[in-house]
Amino acid sequence: MSKLPKMQESVSLLQAKQDAHDTVSGLIERNLELEQIFEALQPLLYTLSVALYGDDASDVSLSKLVEDSVKMLGPKETLQ
């Protein structure tokens, strides 16, 4: 005959499951939000990429693209 789990163990397990559910739900929401942001920025990033590097900028990192774009669009004294 098996023993029933102790009440504290059951409560702890239920709390851990709820915490995991909340964490996963938060991650999914954040991921969806980031996807929407990227979709909105994609045309801008592409246009900046073509303006800076021409049609083939496949090896340029996002951080480099942003840095170069800020330099290109910023005040002339920031260009070096």
N, C-alpha and C. Protein backbone atom coordinates (compact mmCIF):
# COMPACT_ATOMS: atom_id res chain seq x y z
N MET A 1 0.84 -1.16 0.00
CA MET A 1 0.00 0.00 0.00
C MET A 1 0.90 1.25 0.00
N SER A 2 0.64 2.16 -0.93
CA SER A 2 1.47 3.36 -1.01
C SER A 2 1.00 4.43 -0.04
N LYS A 3 1.95 5.22 0.40
CA LYS A 3 1.64 6.31 1.31
C LYS A 3 1.17 7.52 0.52
N LEU A 4 0.24 8.23 1.07
CA LEU A 4 -0.19 9.48 0.48
C LEU A 4 0.88 10.54 0.74
N PRO A 5 1.10 11.43 -0.22
CA PRO A 5 2.10 12.47 0.03
C PRO A 5 1.66 13.38 1.16
N LYS A 6 2.64 13.90 1.83
CA LYS A 6 2.34 14.83 2.92
C LYS A 6 1.74 16.11 2.35
N MET A 7 0.91 16.73 3.14
CA MET A 7 0.24 17.95 2.71
C MET A 7 1.25 19.03 2.29
N GLN A 8 2.30 19.23 3.05
CA GLN A 8 3.31 20.25 2.73
C GLN A 8 3.98 19.95 1.40
N GLU A 9 4.28 18.67 1.13
CA GLU A 9 4.90 18.31 -0.15
C GLU A 9 3.95 18.60 -1.30
N SER A 10 2.68 18.31 -1.12
CA SER A 10 1.69 18.57 -2.17
C SER A 10 1.56 20.06 -2.44
N VAL A 11 1.51 20.85 -1.39
CA VAL A 11 1.40 22.30 -1.55
C VAL A 11 2.66 22.84 -2.22
N SER A 12 3.83 22.36 -1.83
CA SER A 12 5.08 22.82 -2.43
C SER A 12 5.13 22.46 -3.92
N LEU A 13 4.68 21.26 -4.25
CA LEU A 13 4.67 20.82 -5.64
C LEU A 13 3.71 21.68 -6.46
N LEU A 14 2.54 21.94 -5.94
CA LEU A 14 1.58 22.79 -6.65
C LEU A 14 2.12 24.20 -6.84
N GLN A 15 2.78 24.74 -5.84
CA GLN A 15 3.36 26.08 -5.94
C GLN A 15 4.47 26.10 -6.99
N ALA A 16 5.30 25.06 -7.00
CA ALA A 16 6.39 24.99 -7.98
C ALA A 16 5.82 24.90 -9.39
N LYS A 17 4.76 24.14 -9.58
CA LYS A 17 4.13 24.03 -10.90
C LYS A 17 3.56 25.37 -11.33
N GLN A 18 2.93 26.07 -10.41
CA GLN A 18 2.36 27.38 -10.74
C GLN A 18 3.46 28.38 -11.08
N ASP A 19 4.55 28.36 -10.32
CA ASP A 19 5.68 29.25 -10.60
C ASP A 19 6.27 28.97 -11.98
N ALA A 20 6.41 27.68 -12.31
CA ALA A 20 6.95 27.30 -13.61
C ALA A 20 6.00 27.76 -14.72
N HIS A 21 4.72 27.58 -14.52
CA HIS A 21 3.73 28.02 -15.50
C HIS A 21 3.81 29.52 -15.71
N ASP A 22 3.90 30.28 -14.63
CA ASP A 22 3.99 31.74 -14.71
C ASP A 22 5.26 32.17 -15.45
N THR A 23 6.36 31.49 -15.15
CA THR A 23 7.64 31.82 -15.80
C THR A 23 7.57 31.56 -17.30
N VAL A 24 7.06 30.39 -17.68
CA VAL A 24 6.96 30.03 -19.09
C VAL A 24 6.01 30.98 -19.81
N SER A 25 4.90 31.30 -19.18
CA SER A 25 3.94 32.24 -19.79
C SER A 25 4.59 33.60 -20.01
N GLY A 26 5.34 34.07 -19.03
CA GLY A 26 6.04 35.34 -19.17
C GLY A 26 7.06 35.32 -20.29
N LEU A 27 7.79 34.21 -20.42
CA LEU A 27 8.78 34.09 -21.49
C LEU A 27 8.11 34.08 -22.86
N ILE A 28 7.00 33.40 -22.98
CA ILE A 28 6.27 33.34 -24.25
C ILE A 28 5.75 34.74 -24.61
N GLU A 29 5.19 35.44 -23.65
CA GLU A 29 4.70 36.80 -23.91
C GLU A 29 5.84 37.71 -24.35
N ARG A 30 6.96 37.62 -23.68
CA ARG A 30 8.12 38.45 -24.01
C ARG A 30 8.63 38.12 -25.41
N ASN A 31 8.67 36.84 -25.74
CA ASN A 31 9.12 36.42 -27.06
C ASN A 31 8.20 36.97 -28.14
N LEU A 32 6.90 36.91 -27.93
CA LEU A 32 5.95 37.44 -28.90
C LEU A 32 6.13 38.95 -29.06
N GLU A 33 6.35 39.64 -27.95
CA GLU A 33 6.58 41.09 -28.00
C GLU A 33 7.84 41.41 -28.79
N LEU A 34 8.91 40.65 -28.56
CA LEU A 34 10.16 40.87 -29.29
C LEU A 34 9.99 40.59 -30.78
N GLU A 35 9.21 39.57 -31.12
CA GLU A 35 8.94 39.27 -32.53
C GLU A 35 8.21 40.43 -33.19
N GLN A 36 7.25 41.03 -32.50
CA GLN A 36 6.52 42.17 -33.05
C GLN A 36 7.44 43.36 -33.25
N ILE A 37 8.32 43.60 -32.29
CA ILE A 37 9.28 44.70 -32.40
C ILE A 37 10.19 44.48 -33.60
N PHE A 38 10.70 43.27 -33.75
CA PHE A 38 11.60 42.97 -34.85
C PHE A 38 10.89 43.13 -36.20
N GLU A 39 9.65 42.64 -36.28
CA GLU A 39 8.90 42.78 -37.52
C GLU A 39 8.70 44.25 -37.88
N ALA A 40 8.46 45.09 -36.88
CA ALA A 40 8.26 46.52 -37.13
C ALA A 40 9.57 47.19 -37.56
N LEU A 41 10.69 46.75 -37.01
CA LEU A 41 11.98 47.36 -37.32
C LEU A 41 12.65 46.81 -38.58
N GLN A 42 12.24 45.66 -39.02
CA GLN A 42 12.90 44.99 -40.15
C GLN A 42 13.03 45.88 -41.39
N PRO A 43 11.97 46.56 -41.83
CA PRO A 43 12.13 47.41 -43.03
C PRO A 43 13.14 48.55 -42.81
N LEU A 44 13.13 49.15 -41.63
CA LEU A 44 14.08 50.21 -41.32
C LEU A 44 15.51 49.67 -41.33
N LEU A 45 15.72 48.54 -40.68
CA LEU A 45 17.06 47.96 -40.63
C LEU A 45 17.56 47.59 -42.02
N TYR A 46 16.66 47.05 -42.83
CA TYR A 46 17.05 46.69 -44.20
C TYR A 46 17.45 47.94 -44.99
N THR A 47 16.63 48.98 -44.89
CA THR A 47 16.91 50.22 -45.62
C THR A 47 18.23 50.84 -45.18
N LEU A 48 18.47 50.86 -43.88
CA LEU A 48 19.75 51.38 -43.37
C LEU A 48 20.91 50.53 -43.86
N SER A 49 20.73 49.23 -43.86
CA SER A 49 21.78 48.32 -44.30
C SER A 49 22.15 48.59 -45.76
N VAL A 50 21.14 48.74 -46.61
CA VAL A 50 21.40 49.01 -48.03
C VAL A 50 22.07 50.37 -48.20
N ALA A 51 21.62 51.37 -47.44
CA ALA A 51 22.21 52.71 -47.54
C ALA A 51 23.68 52.71 -47.12
N LEU A 52 24.00 51.91 -46.12
CA LEU A 52 25.38 51.90 -45.61
C LEU A 52 26.30 50.96 -46.37
N TYR A 53 25.81 49.80 -46.73
CA TYR A 53 26.71 48.76 -47.23
C TYR A 53 26.36 48.24 -48.63
N GLY A 54 25.30 48.75 -49.22
CA GLY A 54 24.89 48.22 -50.52
C GLY A 54 23.97 47.02 -50.34
N ASP A 55 23.82 46.27 -51.42
CA ASP A 55 22.86 45.15 -51.39
C ASP A 55 23.34 43.93 -50.62
N ASP A 56 24.62 43.79 -50.39
CA ASP A 56 25.11 42.58 -49.71
C ASP A 56 25.78 42.94 -48.39
N ALA A 57 24.99 42.90 -47.33
CA ALA A 57 25.53 43.18 -45.99
C ALA A 57 25.24 42.01 -45.08
N SER A 58 25.25 40.82 -45.63
CA SER A 58 24.85 39.64 -44.86
C SER A 58 25.77 39.33 -43.68
N ASP A 59 27.01 39.79 -43.73
CA ASP A 59 27.94 39.47 -42.64
C ASP A 59 28.05 40.58 -41.59
N VAL A 60 27.25 41.63 -41.71
CA VAL A 60 27.28 42.74 -40.76
C VAL A 60 26.37 42.41 -39.58
N SER A 61 26.90 42.54 -38.37
CA SER A 61 26.10 42.25 -37.18
C SER A 61 25.08 43.36 -36.94
N LEU A 62 24.06 43.04 -36.20
CA LEU A 62 23.03 44.02 -35.87
C LEU A 62 23.62 45.18 -35.08
N SER A 63 24.50 44.89 -34.14
CA SER A 63 25.09 45.96 -33.34
C SER A 63 25.94 46.89 -34.20
N LYS A 64 26.67 46.34 -35.17
CA LYS A 64 27.47 47.15 -36.09
C LYS A 64 26.56 48.00 -36.96
N LEU A 65 25.46 47.43 -37.44
CA LEU A 65 24.51 48.17 -38.26
C LEU A 65 23.93 49.35 -37.48
N VAL A 66 23.55 49.11 -36.25
CA VAL A 66 22.99 50.18 -35.43
C VAL A 66 24.03 51.26 -35.16
N GLU A 67 25.23 50.85 -34.79
CA GLU A 67 26.31 51.80 -34.52
C GLU A 67 26.61 52.67 -35.74
N ASP A 68 26.74 52.03 -36.89
CA ASP A 68 27.04 52.77 -38.12
C ASP A 68 25.86 53.67 -38.53
N SER A 69 24.65 53.22 -38.30
CA SER A 69 23.46 54.01 -38.63
C SER A 69 23.38 55.27 -37.77
N VAL A 70 23.69 55.12 -36.49
CA VAL A 70 23.69 56.28 -35.58
C VAL A 70 24.73 57.29 -36.05
N LYS A 71 25.89 56.81 -36.42
CA LYS A 71 26.94 57.71 -36.92
C LYS A 71 26.49 58.41 -38.20
N MET A 72 25.85 57.67 -39.10
CA MET A 72 25.42 58.24 -40.36
C MET A 72 24.31 59.27 -40.15
N LEU A 73 23.40 59.02 -39.25
CA LEU A 73 22.24 59.89 -39.06
C LEU A 73 22.48 61.00 -38.04
N GLY A 74 23.51 60.84 -37.22
CA GLY A 74 23.77 61.80 -36.16
C GLY A 74 24.43 63.06 -36.66
N PRO A 75 24.72 63.97 -35.74
CA PRO A 75 25.42 65.21 -36.09
C PRO A 75 26.76 64.91 -36.75
N LYS A 76 27.16 65.78 -37.63
CA LYS A 76 28.40 65.55 -38.41
C LYS A 76 29.64 65.42 -37.52
N GLU A 77 29.63 66.06 -36.35
CA GLU A 77 30.82 65.99 -35.50
C GLU A 77 31.02 64.60 -34.88
N THR A 78 29.98 63.72 -34.93
CA THR A 78 30.17 62.36 -34.39
C THR A 78 30.82 61.44 -35.41
N LEU A 79 30.85 61.85 -36.69
CA LEU A 79 31.49 61.02 -37.71
C LEU A 79 33.00 61.13 -37.59
N GLN A 80 33.64 59.98 -37.69
CA GLN A 80 35.10 59.98 -37.58
C GLN A 80 35.70 59.11 -38.65
